[in-house]
Amino acid sequence: MEAIIQVQNATAGYNENEVILNNLDFHIRQGEFVGIIGKNGAGKSTLLKSMRGFLPLRGGKILIAGKDIAAYSQLELARSISYLQQQVELTFDYTVRDIVTAGRYPYKKWWQQQDDDDRRIAEACMEYTDVLGMAEKPIRSLSGGQRQRVLLAKVLAQQTPVLFLDEPAAGLDLFYQEEIFRFCQELCQRGKTVAMVVHELNLAARYCSRLLLFRQGRLLADGLPEDVLTDEILSSGYDARIRSTRNPETGHADIYTEAAPADTAKRRLLDTIIGSCADGQKGGEAL
């Protein structure tokens, strides 16, 4: 498949004295389901913002479908890339239907109302993400996980060839976490391209077609999940002792951290945190 996103020597940051992304060079092909992984602060969310055009580059360029992102209008970008950000402030009590139908805005003139086709697409997206039964409920009355599924439905209603999702499984229970990954895999099998910031490495191993591992704003590893999710690479990327094994019963990856040996300083801190009574009993036991 051809490259739909090309990142060429890209450098980005939020102010003149802070560089978050350093000379990134990679491409994403049409139909790929790319998991963007790395510890907190590695630059994952900054990367999505830069690729969507929300954060101007300081150097290099990003091409979307062969065209420099700086040459796109915001309307053109909204028709090319849908973006689910990490945190969404919902200050008004719009209904679920209102939120999802708003995903159709790139295709409407400012004076145009939603038509039957818009409503049909919105309902299909709500049913796909299992929120159609709450369509008339105020969005602020829903749980965090339910809201996340509503926002995913809105992103789908935008009907773009590319989706950027920043931790879409955050706040979801186990079933819906896996459903999000299944949704994305199915979308990519139908020709869409998904780039997702992921913390659930076991799910990334099962569903993503490719992983990008970032460390301190640089691309540390890029490849198939089985090539990236190794003890050595993960331990380097996350600055922790990480093991990656294969579950013999399911055949799926099992990724976990190994506890560092206890040291005197940590034991002393734990003693302070727990506290003690004059008779030597733990403070909690005396209550």
C-alpha atoms as a PDB file:
ATOM      1  CA  MET A   1       0.000   0.000   0.000  1.00  0.00           C
ATOM      2  CA  GLU A   2       1.136   3.581  -0.641  1.00  0.00           C
ATOM      3  CA  ALA A   3       2.207   5.877   2.198  1.00  0.00           C
ATOM      4  CA  ILE A   4      -0.727   8.035   3.235  1.00  0.00           C
ATOM      5  CA  ILE A   5       1.279   9.850   5.953  1.00  0.00           C
ATOM      6  CA  GLN A   6       4.948  10.812   5.595  1.00  0.00           C
ATOM      7  CA  VAL A   7       6.873  12.364   8.477  1.00  0.00           C
ATOM      8  CA  GLN A   8      10.177  13.805   7.277  1.00  0.00           C
ATOM      9  CA  ASN A   9      12.807  15.104   9.739  1.00  0.00           C
ATOM     10  CA  ALA A  10       9.997  16.557  11.851  1.00  0.00           C
ATOM     11  CA  THR A  11      10.794  18.579  14.971  1.00  0.00           C
ATOM     12  CA  ALA A  12       8.086  20.070  17.210  1.00  0.00           C
ATOM     13  CA  GLY A  13       7.533  21.637  20.620  1.00  0.00           C
ATOM     14  CA  TYR A  14       5.198  23.921  22.532  1.00  0.00           C
ATOM     15  CA  ASN A  15       7.547  26.855  23.075  1.00  0.00           C
ATOM     16  CA  GLU A  16      10.897  28.133  21.847  1.00  0.00           C
ATOM     17  CA  ASN A  17      12.893  26.543  24.648  1.00  0.00           C
ATOM     18  CA  GLU A  18      11.250  23.111  24.658  1.00  0.00           C
ATOM     19  CA  VAL A  19      11.625  20.538  21.919  1.00  0.00           C
ATOM     20  CA  ILE A  20       9.336  17.504  22.322  1.00  0.00           C
ATOM     21  CA  LEU A  21       9.835  15.684  19.010  1.00  0.00           C
ATOM     22  CA  ASN A  22      13.301  15.356  17.494  1.00  0.00           C
ATOM     23  CA  ASN A  23      13.986  14.752  13.790  1.00  0.00           C
ATOM     24  CA  LEU A  24      11.341  12.086  13.258  1.00  0.00           C
ATOM     25  CA  ASP A  25      11.372  10.124  10.025  1.00  0.00           C
ATOM     26  CA  PHE A  26       8.754   7.476   9.229  1.00  0.00           C
ATOM     27  CA  HIS A  27       5.688   6.830   7.086  1.00  0.00           C
ATOM     28  CA  ILE A  28       2.316   5.165   7.581  1.00  0.00           C
ATOM     29  CA  ARG A  29       0.688   3.211   4.775  1.00  0.00           C
ATOM     30  CA  GLN A  30      -2.986   3.064   3.902  1.00  0.00           C
ATOM     31  CA  GLY A  31      -4.791   0.319   5.825  1.00  0.00           C
ATOM     32  CA  GLU A  32      -2.269   0.092   8.656  1.00  0.00           C
ATOM     33  CA  PHE A  33      -3.315  -0.033  12.299  1.00  0.00           C
ATOM     34  CA  VAL A  34      -0.377   1.677  13.992  1.00  0.00           C
ATOM     35  CA  GLY A  35       0.013   1.651  17.768  1.00  0.00           C
ATOM     36  CA  ILE A  36       2.066   4.528  19.180  1.00  0.00           C
ATOM     37  CA  ILE A  37       3.634   3.392  22.450  1.00  0.00           C
ATOM     38  CA  GLY A  38       6.080   4.684  25.064  1.00  0.00           C
ATOM     39  CA  LYS A  39       6.167   5.927  28.639  1.00  0.00           C
ATOM     40  CA  ASN A  40       4.365   9.088  29.726  1.00  0.00           C
ATOM     41  CA  GLY A  41       6.033  12.205  28.346  1.00  0.00           C
ATOM     42  CA  ALA A  42       7.633  10.400  25.395  1.00  0.00           C
ATOM     43  CA  GLY A  43       5.878  12.674  22.864  1.00  0.00           C
ATOM     44  CA  LYS A  44       3.039  10.414  21.693  1.00  0.00           C
ATOM     45  CA  SER A  45       0.185  12.930  22.005  1.00  0.00           C
ATOM     46  CA  THR A  46       2.409  15.693  20.621  1.00  0.00           C
ATOM     47  CA  LEU A  47       3.008  13.544  17.559  1.00  0.00           C
ATOM     48  CA  LEU A  48      -0.732  13.158  16.887  1.00  0.00           C
ATOM     49  CA  LYS A  49      -1.295  16.900  17.286  1.00  0.00           C
ATOM     50  CA  SER A  50       1.523  17.621  14.849  1.00  0.00           C
ATOM     51  CA  MET A  51       0.282  15.101  12.279  1.00  0.00           C
ATOM     52  CA  ARG A  52      -3.214  16.590  12.533  1.00  0.00           C
ATOM     53  CA  GLY A  53      -1.887  20.130  12.009  1.00  0.00           C
ATOM     54  CA  PHE A  54      -2.792  21.474  15.459  1.00  0.00           C
ATOM     55  CA  LEU A  55       0.862  21.987  16.421  1.00  0.00           C
ATOM     56  CA  PRO A  56       3.053  23.663  13.766  1.00  0.00           C
ATOM     57  CA  LEU A  57       6.429  22.063  13.116  1.00  0.00           C
ATOM     58  CA  ARG A  58       9.692  23.824  13.865  1.00  0.00           C
ATOM     59  CA  GLY A  59      11.516  21.832  11.241  1.00  0.00           C
ATOM     60  CA  GLY A  60      10.919  19.177   8.606  1.00  0.00           C
ATOM     61  CA  LYS A  61       7.546  18.427   7.080  1.00  0.00           C
ATOM     62  CA  ILE A  62       4.526  16.139   7.257  1.00  0.00           C
ATOM     63  CA  LEU A  63       2.752  15.026   4.104  1.00  0.00           C
ATOM     64  CA  ILE A  64      -0.818  13.747   4.035  1.00  0.00           C
ATOM     65  CA  ALA A  65      -1.653  11.894   0.808  1.00  0.00           C
ATOM     66  CA  GLY A  66       1.453  13.458  -0.747  1.00  0.00           C
ATOM     67  CA  LYS A  67       0.516  17.040   0.161  1.00  0.00           C
ATOM     68  CA  ASP A  68       2.284  19.156   2.791  1.00  0.00           C
ATOM     69  CA  ILE A  69      -0.003  19.486   5.805  1.00  0.00           C
ATOM     70  CA  ALA A  70       0.739  23.223   5.922  1.00  0.00           C
ATOM     71  CA  ALA A  71      -1.007  23.571   2.540  1.00  0.00           C
ATOM     72  CA  TYR A  72      -4.285  22.083   3.800  1.00  0.00           C
ATOM     73  CA  SER A  73      -7.176  24.205   4.990  1.00  0.00           C
ATOM     74  CA  GLN A  74      -8.771  23.187   8.291  1.00  0.00           C
ATOM     75  CA  LEU A  75     -11.856  22.026   6.397  1.00  0.00           C
ATOM     76  CA  GLU A  76      -9.722  19.842   4.123  1.00  0.00           C
ATOM     77  CA  LEU A  77      -7.994  18.342   7.157  1.00  0.00           C
ATOM     78  CA  ALA A  78     -11.347  17.687   8.841  1.00  0.00           C
ATOM     79  CA  ARG A  79     -12.393  15.705   5.773  1.00  0.00           C
ATOM     80  CA  SER A  80      -9.099  13.786   5.722  1.00  0.00           C
ATOM     81  CA  ILE A  81      -8.327  13.070   9.386  1.00  0.00           C
ATOM     82  CA  SER A  82     -10.620  12.580  12.369  1.00  0.00           C
ATOM     83  CA  TYR A  83      -8.997  13.087  15.746  1.00  0.00           C
ATOM     84  CA  LEU A  84     -10.082  11.842  19.162  1.00  0.00           C
ATOM     85  CA  GLN A  85      -8.067  13.757  21.715  1.00  0.00           C
ATOM     86  CA  GLN A  86      -7.046  12.468  25.115  1.00  0.00           C
ATOM     87  CA  GLN A  87      -9.349  14.676  27.171  1.00  0.00           C
ATOM     88  CA  VAL A  88     -12.541  16.306  25.920  1.00  0.00           C
ATOM     89  CA  GLU A  89     -14.268  18.992  27.969  1.00  0.00           C
ATOM     90  CA  LEU A  90     -18.057  18.610  27.778  1.00  0.00           C
ATOM     91  CA  THR A  91     -19.455  21.801  29.267  1.00  0.00           C
ATOM     92  CA  PHE A  92     -22.968  21.643  27.803  1.00  0.00           C
ATOM     93  CA  ASP A  93     -25.575  18.919  28.193  1.00  0.00           C
ATOM     94  CA  TYR A  94     -25.852  17.971  24.552  1.00  0.00           C
ATOM     95  CA  THR A  95     -27.488  14.638  23.903  1.00  0.00           C
ATOM     96  CA  VAL A  96     -25.531  11.670  22.627  1.00  0.00           C
ATOM     97  CA  ARG A  97     -27.240  12.090  19.258  1.00  0.00           C
ATOM     98  CA  ASP A  98     -26.187  15.765  19.106  1.00  0.00           C
ATOM     99  CA  ILE A  99     -22.570  14.873  19.798  1.00  0.00           C
ATOM    100  CA  VAL A 100     -22.359  12.092  17.230  1.00  0.00           C
ATOM    101  CA  THR A 101     -24.218  14.015  14.527  1.00  0.00           C
ATOM    102  CA  ALA A 102     -21.760  16.887  15.004  1.00  0.00           C
ATOM    103  CA  GLY A 103     -19.195  14.615  13.367  1.00  0.00           C
ATOM    104  CA  ARG A 104     -20.888  15.415  10.065  1.00  0.00           C
ATOM    105  CA  TYR A 105     -19.921  19.117  10.236  1.00  0.00           C
ATOM    106  CA  PRO A 106     -17.090  19.009   7.619  1.00  0.00           C
ATOM    107  CA  TYR A 107     -19.649  18.158   4.940  1.00  0.00           C
ATOM    108  CA  LYS A 108     -22.174  20.915   5.696  1.00  0.00           C
ATOM    109  CA  LYS A 109     -22.262  24.592   4.839  1.00  0.00           C
ATOM    110  CA  TRP A 110     -22.788  26.866   7.822  1.00  0.00           C
ATOM    111  CA  TRP A 111     -26.458  27.357   6.957  1.00  0.00           C
ATOM    112  CA  GLN A 112     -27.265  23.703   6.245  1.00  0.00           C
ATOM    113  CA  GLN A 113     -29.090  21.440   8.664  1.00  0.00           C
ATOM    114  CA  GLN A 114     -28.482  17.720   9.131  1.00  0.00           C
ATOM    115  CA  ASP A 115     -30.361  15.655   6.550  1.00  0.00           C
ATOM    116  CA  ASP A 116     -31.602  12.075   6.482  1.00  0.00           C
ATOM    117  CA  ASP A 117     -28.254  10.789   5.213  1.00  0.00           C
ATOM    118  CA  ASP A 118     -26.398  12.436   8.121  1.00  0.00           C
ATOM    119  CA  ARG A 119     -28.845  10.938  10.596  1.00  0.00           C
ATOM    120  CA  ARG A 120     -28.520   7.487   9.003  1.00  0.00           C
ATOM    121  CA  ILE A 121     -24.709   7.609   9.274  1.00  0.00           C
ATOM    122  CA  ALA A 122     -24.835   8.868  12.873  1.00  0.00           C
ATOM    123  CA  GLU A 123     -27.221   6.085  13.900  1.00  0.00           C
ATOM    124  CA  ALA A 124     -25.027   3.447  12.271  1.00  0.00           C
ATOM    125  CA  CYS A 125     -22.006   4.788  14.202  1.00  0.00           C
ATOM    126  CA  MET A 126     -23.935   4.798  17.478  1.00  0.00           C
ATOM    127  CA  GLU A 127     -25.121   1.251  16.925  1.00  0.00           C
ATOM    128  CA  TYR A 128     -21.589   0.126  15.993  1.00  0.00           C
ATOM    129  CA  THR A 129     -20.178   1.514  19.257  1.00  0.00           C
ATOM    130  CA  ASP A 130     -23.199   0.306  21.292  1.00  0.00           C
ATOM    131  CA  VAL A 131     -24.529   3.720  22.366  1.00  0.00           C
ATOM    132  CA  LEU A 132     -27.666   3.946  20.208  1.00  0.00           C
ATOM    133  CA  GLY A 133     -29.830   3.048  23.207  1.00  0.00           C
ATOM    134  CA  MET A 134     -28.626   6.210  24.972  1.00  0.00           C
ATOM    135  CA  ALA A 135     -29.074   8.519  21.973  1.00  0.00           C
ATOM    136  CA  GLU A 136     -31.416  10.939  23.778  1.00  0.00           C
ATOM    137  CA  LYS A 137     -29.496  11.013  27.061  1.00  0.00           C
ATOM    138  CA  PRO A 138     -27.436  14.068  28.055  1.00  0.00           C
ATOM    139  CA  ILE A 139     -23.753  13.338  27.500  1.00  0.00           C
ATOM    140  CA  ARG A 140     -22.823  14.526  31.002  1.00  0.00           C
ATOM    141  CA  SER A 141     -25.110  11.932  32.581  1.00  0.00           C
ATOM    142  CA  LEU A 142     -22.969   9.086  31.203  1.00  0.00           C
ATOM    143  CA  SER A 143     -20.002   7.325  32.741  1.00  0.00           C
ATOM    144  CA  GLY A 144     -16.496   8.034  31.494  1.00  0.00           C
ATOM    145  CA  GLY A 145     -16.416   4.822  29.499  1.00  0.00           C
ATOM    146  CA  GLN A 146     -19.790   5.509  27.896  1.00  0.00           C
ATOM    147  CA  ARG A 147     -18.686   9.009  26.926  1.00  0.00           C
ATOM    148  CA  GLN A 148     -15.568   7.572  25.306  1.00  0.00           C
ATOM    149  CA  ARG A 149     -17.690   5.292  23.129  1.00  0.00           C
ATOM    150  CA  VAL A 150     -19.905   8.250  22.158  1.00  0.00           C
ATOM    151  CA  LEU A 151     -16.844  10.265  21.132  1.00  0.00           C
ATOM    152  CA  LEU A 152     -15.569   7.339  19.092  1.00  0.00           C
ATOM    153  CA  ALA A 153     -18.946   7.217  17.321  1.00  0.00           C
ATOM    154  CA  LYS A 154     -18.567  10.936  16.533  1.00  0.00           C
ATOM    155  CA  VAL A 155     -15.121  10.298  15.055  1.00  0.00           C
ATOM    156  CA  LEU A 156     -16.518   7.485  12.904  1.00  0.00           C
ATOM    157  CA  ALA A 157     -19.371   9.702  11.712  1.00  0.00           C
ATOM    158  CA  GLN A 158     -16.755  12.070  10.285  1.00  0.00           C
ATOM    159  CA  GLN A 159     -16.021   9.381   7.645  1.00  0.00           C
ATOM    160  CA  THR A 160     -12.371  10.243   7.070  1.00  0.00           C
ATOM    161  CA  PRO A 161      -9.774   7.912   5.520  1.00  0.00           C
ATOM    162  CA  VAL A 162      -7.447   8.473   8.511  1.00  0.00           C
ATOM    163  CA  LEU A 163      -8.251   8.296  12.245  1.00  0.00           C
ATOM    164  CA  PHE A 164      -5.992   9.566  15.045  1.00  0.00           C
ATOM    165  CA  LEU A 165      -7.013   8.236  18.455  1.00  0.00           C
ATOM    166  CA  ASP A 166      -5.282   9.374  21.637  1.00  0.00           C
ATOM    167  CA  GLU A 167      -5.803   6.686  24.303  1.00  0.00           C
ATOM    168  CA  PRO A 168      -9.368   5.831  23.203  1.00  0.00           C
ATOM    169  CA  ALA A 169      -9.541   2.857  25.595  1.00  0.00           C
ATOM    170  CA  ALA A 170      -8.879   4.999  28.684  1.00  0.00           C
ATOM    171  CA  GLY A 171     -11.634   4.571  31.273  1.00  0.00           C
ATOM    172  CA  LEU A 172     -13.220   1.613  29.503  1.00  0.00           C
ATOM    173  CA  ASP A 173     -13.808  -1.751  31.141  1.00  0.00           C
ATOM    174  CA  LEU A 174     -12.049  -4.844  29.825  1.00  0.00           C
ATOM    175  CA  PHE A 175     -14.755  -5.767  27.310  1.00  0.00           C
ATOM    176  CA  TYR A 176     -14.946  -2.321  25.691  1.00  0.00           C
ATOM    177  CA  GLN A 177     -11.176  -1.881  25.691  1.00  0.00           C
ATOM    178  CA  GLU A 178     -10.903  -4.914  23.481  1.00  0.00           C
ATOM    179  CA  GLU A 179     -13.897  -3.810  21.414  1.00  0.00           C
ATOM    180  CA  ILE A 180     -12.125  -0.536  20.566  1.00  0.00           C
ATOM    181  CA  PHE A 181      -9.161  -2.479  19.204  1.00  0.00           C
ATOM    182  CA  ARG A 182     -11.460  -4.801  17.259  1.00  0.00           C
ATOM    183  CA  PHE A 183     -13.321  -1.809  15.780  1.00  0.00           C
ATOM    184  CA  CYS A 184     -10.041  -0.292  14.607  1.00  0.00           C
ATOM    185  CA  GLN A 185      -8.776  -3.555  13.166  1.00  0.00           C
ATOM    186  CA  GLU A 186     -12.026  -3.976  11.215  1.00  0.00           C
ATOM    187  CA  LEU A 187     -11.821  -0.391   9.929  1.00  0.00           C
ATOM    188  CA  CYS A 188      -8.277  -0.952   8.686  1.00  0.00           C
ATOM    189  CA  GLN A 189      -9.285  -4.175   6.987  1.00  0.00           C
ATOM    190  CA  ARG A 190     -11.804  -2.032   5.058  1.00  0.00           C
ATOM    191  CA  GLY A 191      -9.077   0.412   3.941  1.00  0.00           C
ATOM    192  CA  LYS A 192      -9.039   3.082   6.640  1.00  0.00           C
ATOM    193  CA  THR A 193      -5.801   3.997   8.432  1.00  0.00           C
ATOM    194  CA  VAL A 194      -5.603   4.249  12.221  1.00  0.00           C
ATOM    195  CA  ALA A 195      -2.836   5.719  14.382  1.00  0.00           C
ATOM    196  CA  MET A 196      -3.581   5.173  18.069  1.00  0.00           C
ATOM    197  CA  VAL A 197      -1.734   6.141  21.240  1.00  0.00           C
ATOM    198  CA  VAL A 198      -1.761   2.924  23.251  1.00  0.00           C
ATOM    199  CA  HIS A 199      -0.927   1.970  26.833  1.00  0.00           C
ATOM    200  CA  GLU A 200      -2.489  -1.514  26.709  1.00  0.00           C
ATOM    201  CA  LEU A 201       0.534  -3.330  25.279  1.00  0.00           C
ATOM    202  CA  ASN A 202      -1.043  -6.775  25.424  1.00  0.00           C
ATOM    203  CA  LEU A 203      -3.926  -5.548  23.255  1.00  0.00           C
ATOM    204  CA  ALA A 204      -1.536  -3.699  20.943  1.00  0.00           C
ATOM    205  CA  ALA A 205       0.330  -6.973  20.420  1.00  0.00           C
ATOM    206  CA  ARG A 206      -2.860  -8.729  19.384  1.00  0.00           C
ATOM    207  CA  TYR A 207      -4.520  -6.140  17.173  1.00  0.00           C
ATOM    208  CA  CYS A 208      -2.046  -3.569  15.816  1.00  0.00           C
ATOM    209  CA  SER A 209      -0.307  -4.323  12.531  1.00  0.00           C
ATOM    210  CA  ARG A 210       2.674  -2.146  13.469  1.00  0.00           C
ATOM    211  CA  LEU A 211       4.107  -0.378  16.506  1.00  0.00           C
ATOM    212  CA  LEU A 212       6.094   2.841  16.904  1.00  0.00           C
ATOM    213  CA  LEU A 213       7.952   3.042  20.231  1.00  0.00           C
ATOM    214  CA  PHE A 214       8.964   6.519  21.369  1.00  0.00           C
ATOM    215  CA  ARG A 215      11.468   7.518  24.012  1.00  0.00           C
ATOM    216  CA  GLN A 216      12.144  11.151  24.903  1.00  0.00           C
ATOM    217  CA  GLY A 217      10.734  12.445  21.637  1.00  0.00           C
ATOM    218  CA  ARG A 218      12.682  10.076  19.415  1.00  0.00           C
ATOM    219  CA  LEU A 219      11.587   6.974  17.550  1.00  0.00           C
ATOM    220  CA  LEU A 220      13.296   4.085  19.312  1.00  0.00           C
ATOM    221  CA  ALA A 221      11.702   1.176  17.417  1.00  0.00           C
ATOM    222  CA  ASP A 222       9.400   0.716  14.424  1.00  0.00           C
ATOM    223  CA  GLY A 223       8.124  -2.638  13.268  1.00  0.00           C
ATOM    224  CA  LEU A 224       5.804  -5.577  13.703  1.00  0.00           C
ATOM    225  CA  PRO A 225       4.520  -6.069  17.275  1.00  0.00           C
ATOM    226  CA  GLU A 226       6.583  -9.228  17.767  1.00  0.00           C
ATOM    227  CA  ASP A 227       9.732  -7.348  16.724  1.00  0.00           C
ATOM    228  CA  VAL A 228       9.131  -4.316  18.962  1.00  0.00           C
ATOM    229  CA  LEU A 229       7.695  -6.002  22.056  1.00  0.00           C
ATOM    230  CA  THR A 230      10.895  -7.663  23.242  1.00  0.00           C
ATOM    231  CA  ASP A 231      12.411  -7.560  26.727  1.00  0.00           C
ATOM    232  CA  GLU A 232      15.397  -5.512  25.597  1.00  0.00           C
ATOM    233  CA  ILE A 233      13.538  -2.937  23.500  1.00  0.00           C
ATOM    234  CA  LEU A 234      10.680  -2.416  25.974  1.00  0.00           C
ATOM    235  CA  SER A 235      13.013  -2.144  28.957  1.00  0.00           C
ATOM    236  CA  SER A 236      14.990   0.520  27.118  1.00  0.00           C
ATOM    237  CA  GLY A 237      11.878   2.396  25.994  1.00  0.00           C
ATOM    238  CA  TYR A 238      10.163   2.426  29.381  1.00  0.00           C
ATOM    239  CA  ASP A 239      13.245   2.634  31.624  1.00  0.00           C
ATOM    240  CA  ALA A 240      11.993  -0.383  33.562  1.00  0.00           C
ATOM    241  CA  ARG A 241      12.549  -4.123  33.797  1.00  0.00           C
ATOM    242  CA  ILE A 242       9.958  -5.490  31.362  1.00  0.00           C
ATOM    243  CA  ARG A 243       9.342  -9.062  30.288  1.00  0.00           C
ATOM    244  CA  SER A 244       7.464 -10.145  27.181  1.00  0.00           C
ATOM    245  CA  THR A 245       6.421 -13.784  26.942  1.00  0.00           C
ATOM    246  CA  ARG A 246       3.834 -15.735  24.992  1.00  0.00           C
ATOM    247  CA  ASN A 247       0.964 -17.343  26.858  1.00  0.00           C
ATOM    248  CA  PRO A 248       1.095 -21.044  25.912  1.00  0.00           C
ATOM    249  CA  GLU A 249      -2.691 -21.447  26.211  1.00  0.00           C
ATOM    250  CA  THR A 250      -3.850 -18.432  24.205  1.00  0.00           C
ATOM    251  CA  GLY A 251      -0.768 -17.745  22.084  1.00  0.00           C
ATOM    252  CA  HIS A 252      -1.084 -14.053  22.978  1.00  0.00           C
ATOM    253  CA  ALA A 253       1.648 -11.784  24.308  1.00  0.00           C
ATOM    254  CA  ASP A 254       1.933 -11.423  28.065  1.00  0.00           C
ATOM    255  CA  ILE A 255       3.829  -8.258  28.974  1.00  0.00           C
ATOM    256  CA  TYR A 256       4.619  -7.309  32.544  1.00  0.00           C
ATOM    257  CA  THR A 257       7.170  -5.484  34.679  1.00  0.00           C
ATOM    258  CA  GLU A 258       9.560  -7.114  37.092  1.00  0.00           C
ATOM    259  CA  ALA A 259       9.792  -5.508  40.502  1.00  0.00           C
ATOM    260  CA  ALA A 260      13.146  -3.909  41.204  1.00  0.00           C
ATOM    261  CA  PRO A 261      14.964  -5.266  44.262  1.00  0.00           C
ATOM    262  CA  ALA A 262      13.909  -3.451  47.436  1.00  0.00           C
ATOM    263  CA  ASP A 263      16.520  -1.012  48.690  1.00  0.00           C
ATOM    264  CA  THR A 264      17.112   0.596  52.068  1.00  0.00           C
ATOM    265  CA  ALA A 265      15.901   4.031  50.951  1.00  0.00           C
ATOM    266  CA  LYS A 266      12.552   2.681  49.720  1.00  0.00           C
ATOM    267  CA  ARG A 267      12.049   0.635  52.883  1.00  0.00           C
ATOM    268  CA  ARG A 268      12.685   3.735  54.955  1.00  0.00           C
ATOM    269  CA  LEU A 269      10.115   5.697  52.918  1.00  0.00           C
ATOM    270  CA  LEU A 270       7.580   2.899  53.334  1.00  0.00           C
ATOM    271  CA  ASP A 271       8.115   2.936  57.108  1.00  0.00           C
ATOM    272  CA  THR A 272       7.317   6.656  57.105  1.00  0.00           C
ATOM    273  CA  ILE A 273       4.226   6.192  54.925  1.00  0.00           C
ATOM    274  CA  ILE A 274       2.805   3.369  57.042  1.00  0.00           C
ATOM    275  CA  GLY A 275       3.669   4.991  60.364  1.00  0.00           C
ATOM    276  CA  SER A 276       3.740   3.273  63.767  1.00  0.00           C
ATOM    277  CA  CYS A 277       2.334   3.601  67.298  1.00  0.00           C
ATOM    278  CA  ALA A 278       4.348   3.836  70.465  1.00  0.00           C
ATOM    279  CA  ASP A 279       3.832   0.124  71.192  1.00  0.00           C
ATOM    280  CA  GLY A 280       5.307  -0.830  67.791  1.00  0.00           C
ATOM    281  CA  GLN A 281       1.956  -1.704  66.173  1.00  0.00           C
ATOM    282  CA  LYS A 282       1.138  -0.331  62.746  1.00  0.00           C
ATOM    283  CA  GLY A 283      -1.027   2.763  62.882  1.00  0.00           C
ATOM    284  CA  GLY A 284      -3.765   1.102  60.853  1.00  0.00           C
ATOM    285  CA  GLU A 285      -4.081  -1.762  63.328  1.00  0.00           C
ATOM    286  CA  ALA A 286      -4.674   0.604  66.253  1.00  0.00           C
ATOM    287  CA  LEU A 287      -7.803   2.137  64.706  1.00  0.00           C
END
